[in-house]
C-alpha atoms as a PDB file:
ATOM      1  CA  UNK A   1      31.094  60.791 -10.771  1.00  0.00           C
ATOM      2  CA  UNK A   2      34.518  62.337 -10.789  1.00  0.00           C
ATOM      3  CA  UNK A   3      36.082  64.207 -13.700  1.00  0.00           C
ATOM      4  CA  UNK A   4      38.071  61.164 -14.800  1.00  0.00           C
ATOM      5  CA  UNK A   5      34.949  58.965 -15.011  1.00  0.00           C
ATOM      6  CA  UNK A   6      33.082  61.708 -16.866  1.00  0.00           C
ATOM      7  CA  UNK A   7      35.987  62.078 -19.281  1.00  0.00           C
ATOM      8  CA  UNK A   8      36.036  58.314 -19.928  1.00  0.00           C
ATOM      9  CA  UNK A   9      32.292  58.276 -20.593  1.00  0.00           C
ATOM     10  CA  UNK A  10      32.539  61.287 -22.863  1.00  0.00           C
ATOM     11  CA  UNK A  11      35.360  59.629 -24.809  1.00  0.00           C
ATOM     12  CA  UNK A  12      33.188  56.514 -25.281  1.00  0.00           C
ATOM     13  CA  UNK A  13      30.267  58.598 -26.578  1.00  0.00           C
ATOM     14  CA  UNK A  14      31.376  58.685 -30.270  1.00  0.00           C
ATOM     15  CA  UNK A  15      31.686  54.877 -30.326  1.00  0.00           C
ATOM     16  CA  UNK A  16      28.298  54.550 -28.666  1.00  0.00           C
ATOM     17  CA  UNK A  17      26.702  56.884 -31.220  1.00  0.00           C
ATOM     18  CA  UNK A  18      28.260  55.034 -34.146  1.00  0.00           C
ATOM     19  CA  UNK A  19      27.035  51.662 -32.896  1.00  0.00           C
ATOM     20  CA  UNK A  20      23.676  53.078 -31.794  1.00  0.00           C
ATOM     21  CA  UNK A  21      22.952  54.566 -35.223  1.00  0.00           C
ATOM     22  CA  UNK A  22      23.835  51.305 -36.988  1.00  0.00           C
ATOM     23  CA  UNK A  23      21.467  49.227 -34.870  1.00  0.00           C
ATOM     24  CA  UNK A  24      17.841  48.471 -35.586  1.00  0.00           C
ATOM     25  CA  UNK A  25      15.233  50.065 -33.342  1.00  0.00           C
ATOM     26  CA  UNK A  26      15.023  47.208 -30.808  1.00  0.00           C
ATOM     27  CA  UNK A  27      18.772  46.977 -30.203  1.00  0.00           C
ATOM     28  CA  UNK A  28      19.218  50.761 -30.213  1.00  0.00           C
ATOM     29  CA  UNK A  29      16.467  51.253 -27.635  1.00  0.00           C
ATOM     30  CA  UNK A  30      17.720  48.517 -25.312  1.00  0.00           C
ATOM     31  CA  UNK A  31      21.330  49.677 -25.705  1.00  0.00           C
ATOM     32  CA  UNK A  32      20.586  53.359 -25.098  1.00  0.00           C
ATOM     33  CA  UNK A  33      18.185  52.783 -22.209  1.00  0.00           C
ATOM     34  CA  UNK A  34      20.800  50.665 -20.434  1.00  0.00           C
ATOM     35  CA  UNK A  35      23.260  53.556 -20.858  1.00  0.00           C
ATOM     36  CA  UNK A  36      20.764  56.002 -19.329  1.00  0.00           C
ATOM     37  CA  UNK A  37      19.982  53.538 -16.534  1.00  0.00           C
ATOM     38  CA  UNK A  38      23.708  53.365 -15.737  1.00  0.00           C
ATOM     39  CA  UNK A  39      23.989  57.163 -15.734  1.00  0.00           C
ATOM     40  CA  UNK A  40      21.059  57.444 -13.321  1.00  0.00           C
ATOM     41  CA  UNK A  41      22.752  54.901 -11.024  1.00  0.00           C
ATOM     42  CA  UNK A  42      25.949  56.970 -11.143  1.00  0.00           C
ATOM     43  CA  UNK A  43      23.961  60.113 -10.369  1.00  0.00           C
ATOM     44  CA  UNK A  44      22.312  58.496  -7.362  1.00  0.00           C
ATOM     45  CA  UNK A  45      25.632  57.027  -6.205  1.00  0.00           C
ATOM     46  CA  UNK A  46      27.193  60.501  -6.360  1.00  0.00           C
ATOM     47  CA  UNK A  47      24.311  61.915  -4.316  1.00  0.00           C
ATOM     48  CA  UNK A  48      24.212  59.233  -1.610  1.00  0.00           C
ATOM     49  CA  UNK A  49      26.784  58.916   1.142  1.00  0.00           C
ATOM     50  CA  UNK A  50      29.757  56.712   0.315  1.00  0.00           C
ATOM     51  CA  UNK A  51      28.767  53.731   2.466  1.00  0.00           C
ATOM     52  CA  UNK A  52      27.922  50.070   1.919  1.00  0.00           C
ATOM     53  CA  UNK A  53      24.240  50.783   2.581  1.00  0.00           C
ATOM     54  CA  UNK A  54      24.164  53.099  -0.460  1.00  0.00           C
ATOM     55  CA  UNK A  55      25.644  50.378  -2.666  1.00  0.00           C
ATOM     56  CA  UNK A  56      23.009  47.954  -1.351  1.00  0.00           C
ATOM     57  CA  UNK A  57      20.256  50.366  -2.336  1.00  0.00           C
ATOM     58  CA  UNK A  58      21.549  50.685  -5.901  1.00  0.00           C
ATOM     59  CA  UNK A  59      23.036  47.379  -6.948  1.00  0.00           C
ATOM     60  CA  UNK A  60      22.055  43.735  -6.739  1.00  0.00           C
ATOM     61  CA  UNK A  61      19.040  41.622  -7.534  1.00  0.00           C
ATOM     62  CA  UNK A  62      16.790  42.866  -4.750  1.00  0.00           C
ATOM     63  CA  UNK A  63      18.145  46.384  -4.384  1.00  0.00           C
ATOM     64  CA  UNK A  64      15.255  48.866  -4.128  1.00  0.00           C
ATOM     65  CA  UNK A  65      16.932  51.297  -6.542  1.00  0.00           C
ATOM     66  CA  UNK A  66      18.189  48.722  -9.043  1.00  0.00           C
ATOM     67  CA  UNK A  67      15.512  49.225 -11.696  1.00  0.00           C
ATOM     68  CA  UNK A  68      15.352  51.860 -14.402  1.00  0.00           C
ATOM     69  CA  UNK A  69      11.935  52.927 -13.112  1.00  0.00           C
ATOM     70  CA  UNK A  70      13.006  53.322  -9.481  1.00  0.00           C
ATOM     71  CA  UNK A  71      16.127  55.238 -10.506  1.00  0.00           C
ATOM     72  CA  UNK A  72      14.126  57.640 -12.672  1.00  0.00           C
ATOM     73  CA  UNK A  73      11.613  58.293  -9.874  1.00  0.00           C
ATOM     74  CA  UNK A  74      14.286  58.622  -7.196  1.00  0.00           C
ATOM     75  CA  UNK A  75      16.375  61.066  -9.207  1.00  0.00           C
ATOM     76  CA  UNK A  76      13.308  63.191  -9.864  1.00  0.00           C
ATOM     77  CA  UNK A  77      12.046  63.109  -6.267  1.00  0.00           C
ATOM     78  CA  UNK A  78      15.500  64.039  -4.966  1.00  0.00           C
ATOM     79  CA  UNK A  79      15.660  66.997  -7.355  1.00  0.00           C
ATOM     80  CA  UNK A  80      18.523  65.508  -9.364  1.00  0.00           C
ATOM     81  CA  UNK A  81      16.749  65.694 -12.719  1.00  0.00           C
ATOM     82  CA  UNK A  82      14.322  68.188 -14.215  1.00  0.00           C
ATOM     83  CA  UNK A  83      10.677  67.364 -14.820  1.00  0.00           C
ATOM     84  CA  UNK A  84      11.098  67.253 -18.602  1.00  0.00           C
ATOM     85  CA  UNK A  85      14.040  64.862 -18.173  1.00  0.00           C
ATOM     86  CA  UNK A  86      11.910  62.746 -15.857  1.00  0.00           C
ATOM     87  CA  UNK A  87       9.076  62.642 -18.401  1.00  0.00           C
ATOM     88  CA  UNK A  88      11.357  61.754 -21.319  1.00  0.00           C
ATOM     89  CA  UNK A  89      13.206  59.107 -19.308  1.00  0.00           C
ATOM     90  CA  UNK A  90       9.864  57.521 -18.458  1.00  0.00           C
ATOM     91  CA  UNK A  91       8.895  57.543 -22.131  1.00  0.00           C
ATOM     92  CA  UNK A  92      12.203  55.892 -22.995  1.00  0.00           C
ATOM     93  CA  UNK A  93      11.535  53.316 -20.254  1.00  0.00           C
ATOM     94  CA  UNK A  94       8.080  52.567 -21.709  1.00  0.00           C
ATOM     95  CA  UNK A  95       9.548  52.167 -25.182  1.00  0.00           C
ATOM     96  CA  UNK A  96      12.297  49.928 -23.794  1.00  0.00           C
ATOM     97  CA  UNK A  97       9.697  47.766 -22.062  1.00  0.00           C
ATOM     98  CA  UNK A  98       7.744  47.369 -25.303  1.00  0.00           C
ATOM     99  CA  UNK A  99      10.843  46.061 -27.058  1.00  0.00           C
ATOM    100  CA  UNK A 100      12.102  43.974 -24.138  1.00  0.00           C
ATOM    101  CA  UNK A 101       8.788  42.251 -23.397  1.00  0.00           C
ATOM    102  CA  UNK A 102       7.293  41.938 -26.872  1.00  0.00           C
ATOM    103  CA  UNK A 103       8.324  39.173 -29.230  1.00  0.00           C
ATOM    104  CA  UNK A 104       6.518  40.714 -32.169  1.00  0.00           C
ATOM    105  CA  UNK A 105       8.403  42.414 -34.976  1.00  0.00           C
ATOM    106  CA  UNK A 106       7.885  46.007 -33.822  1.00  0.00           C
ATOM    107  CA  UNK A 107       9.743  49.247 -34.470  1.00  0.00           C
ATOM    108  CA  UNK A 108       9.526  52.901 -33.499  1.00  0.00           C
ATOM    109  CA  UNK A 109       7.191  53.593 -36.422  1.00  0.00           C
ATOM    110  CA  UNK A 110       4.447  51.476 -34.833  1.00  0.00           C
ATOM    111  CA  UNK A 111       1.547  53.695 -33.854  1.00  0.00           C
ATOM    112  CA  UNK A 112       1.921  53.456 -30.064  1.00  0.00           C
ATOM    113  CA  UNK A 113       5.706  53.846 -30.053  1.00  0.00           C
ATOM    114  CA  UNK A 114       5.621  56.580 -32.687  1.00  0.00           C
ATOM    115  CA  UNK A 115       3.243  58.609 -30.525  1.00  0.00           C
ATOM    116  CA  UNK A 116       5.495  58.234 -27.501  1.00  0.00           C
ATOM    117  CA  UNK A 117       8.571  59.298 -29.494  1.00  0.00           C
ATOM    118  CA  UNK A 118       6.846  62.314 -30.977  1.00  0.00           C
ATOM    119  CA  UNK A 119       5.619  63.409 -27.538  1.00  0.00           C
ATOM    120  CA  UNK A 120       9.111  63.655 -26.071  1.00  0.00           C
ATOM    121  CA  UNK A 121      10.211  67.036 -24.786  1.00  0.00           C
ATOM    122  CA  UNK A 122      13.690  66.816 -26.271  1.00  0.00           C
ATOM    123  CA  UNK A 123      12.933  66.616 -29.981  1.00  0.00           C
ATOM    124  CA  UNK A 124      13.968  68.861 -32.835  1.00  0.00           C
ATOM    125  CA  UNK A 125      12.024  72.089 -32.745  1.00  0.00           C
ATOM    126  CA  UNK A 126      12.825  73.021 -36.329  1.00  0.00           C
ATOM    127  CA  UNK A 127      10.506  70.296 -37.667  1.00  0.00           C
ATOM    128  CA  UNK A 128       6.717  70.350 -37.372  1.00  0.00           C
ATOM    129  CA  UNK A 129       5.521  67.698 -34.880  1.00  0.00           C
ATOM    130  CA  UNK A 130       3.499  65.846 -37.537  1.00  0.00           C
ATOM    131  CA  UNK A 131       6.621  65.577 -39.728  1.00  0.00           C
ATOM    132  CA  UNK A 132       8.869  64.235 -36.984  1.00  0.00           C
ATOM    133  CA  UNK A 133      10.393  60.812 -37.646  1.00  0.00           C
ATOM    134  CA  UNK A 134      10.053  58.630 -34.519  1.00  0.00           C
ATOM    135  CA  UNK A 135      13.633  57.331 -34.606  1.00  0.00           C
ATOM    136  CA  UNK A 136      14.928  60.905 -35.008  1.00  0.00           C
ATOM    137  CA  UNK A 137      12.871  61.977 -31.995  1.00  0.00           C
ATOM    138  CA  UNK A 138      14.243  59.085 -29.979  1.00  0.00           C
ATOM    139  CA  UNK A 139      17.836  59.750 -31.085  1.00  0.00           C
ATOM    140  CA  UNK A 140      17.534  63.441 -30.228  1.00  0.00           C
ATOM    141  CA  UNK A 141      16.254  62.687 -26.735  1.00  0.00           C
ATOM    142  CA  UNK A 142      19.154  60.288 -26.106  1.00  0.00           C
ATOM    143  CA  UNK A 143      21.611  62.845 -27.478  1.00  0.00           C
ATOM    144  CA  UNK A 144      20.309  65.515 -25.110  1.00  0.00           C
ATOM    145  CA  UNK A 145      19.922  63.354 -22.000  1.00  0.00           C
ATOM    146  CA  UNK A 146      23.392  61.741 -22.074  1.00  0.00           C
ATOM    147  CA  UNK A 147      25.491  64.896 -21.583  1.00  0.00           C
ATOM    148  CA  UNK A 148      22.961  66.368 -19.151  1.00  0.00           C
ATOM    149  CA  UNK A 149      23.131  63.314 -16.883  1.00  0.00           C
ATOM    150  CA  UNK A 150      26.933  63.103 -17.065  1.00  0.00           C
ATOM    151  CA  UNK A 151      27.238  66.795 -16.216  1.00  0.00           C
ATOM    152  CA  UNK A 152      24.674  66.520 -13.410  1.00  0.00           C
ATOM    153  CA  UNK A 153      26.490  63.570 -11.811  1.00  0.00           C
ATOM    154  CA  UNK A 154      29.751  65.542 -11.877  1.00  0.00           C
ATOM    155  CA  UNK A 155      28.091  68.550 -10.246  1.00  0.00           C
ATOM    156  CA  UNK A 156      26.432  66.424  -7.566  1.00  0.00           C
ATOM    157  CA  UNK A 157      29.693  64.680  -6.687  1.00  0.00           C
ATOM    158  CA  UNK A 158      31.592  67.984  -6.593  1.00  0.00           C
ATOM    159  CA  UNK A 159      28.935  69.465  -4.303  1.00  0.00           C
ATOM    160  CA  UNK A 160      29.036  66.392  -2.067  1.00  0.00           C
ATOM    161  CA  UNK A 161      32.816  66.679  -1.743  1.00  0.00           C
ATOM    162  CA  UNK A 162      32.522  70.340  -0.763  1.00  0.00           C
ATOM    163  CA  UNK A 163      29.743  69.719   1.752  1.00  0.00           C
ATOM    164  CA  UNK A 164      30.958  66.404   3.150  1.00  0.00           C
ATOM    165  CA  UNK A 165      31.790  67.860   6.545  1.00  0.00           C
ATOM    166  CA  UNK A 166      28.643  69.997   6.666  1.00  0.00           C
ATOM    167  CA  UNK A 167      26.263  67.044   6.357  1.00  0.00           C
ATOM    168  CA  UNK A 168      26.561  65.743   9.910  1.00  0.00           C
END
């Protein structure tokens, strides 16, 4: 991700936050997880060589790295994200799957989802864990992960540009 793309994403962040905070839990989770999924794809794209084969790995119906799960695992295994980011992204993925594949009227206060939210690494540390509000925990994790992934993708692309001739 180049500086221009990062700038554009950063400029869209306030609009995302405004819409995200107005949404109910289901819409907010699906909306935010798709944003993180896109950022992981951009991170992987920045890391991989700029060839058609890389695009085929990342995009399209049968692309091996086209799912949120595969992108999370790949970024972690390639050392592109930290373990706590990996763990929180997986928790967000599990929450997203609950909303996407469950027709019941559920929200982040439901026991299972509440536990997942409260177990995230990136939650407010100034509030006792038992007093954490699940949606606040979720929002905090999204708010921390977004800039980290944007920054990481910029660093990876900058490093790739510097080392392009050293790879082969």
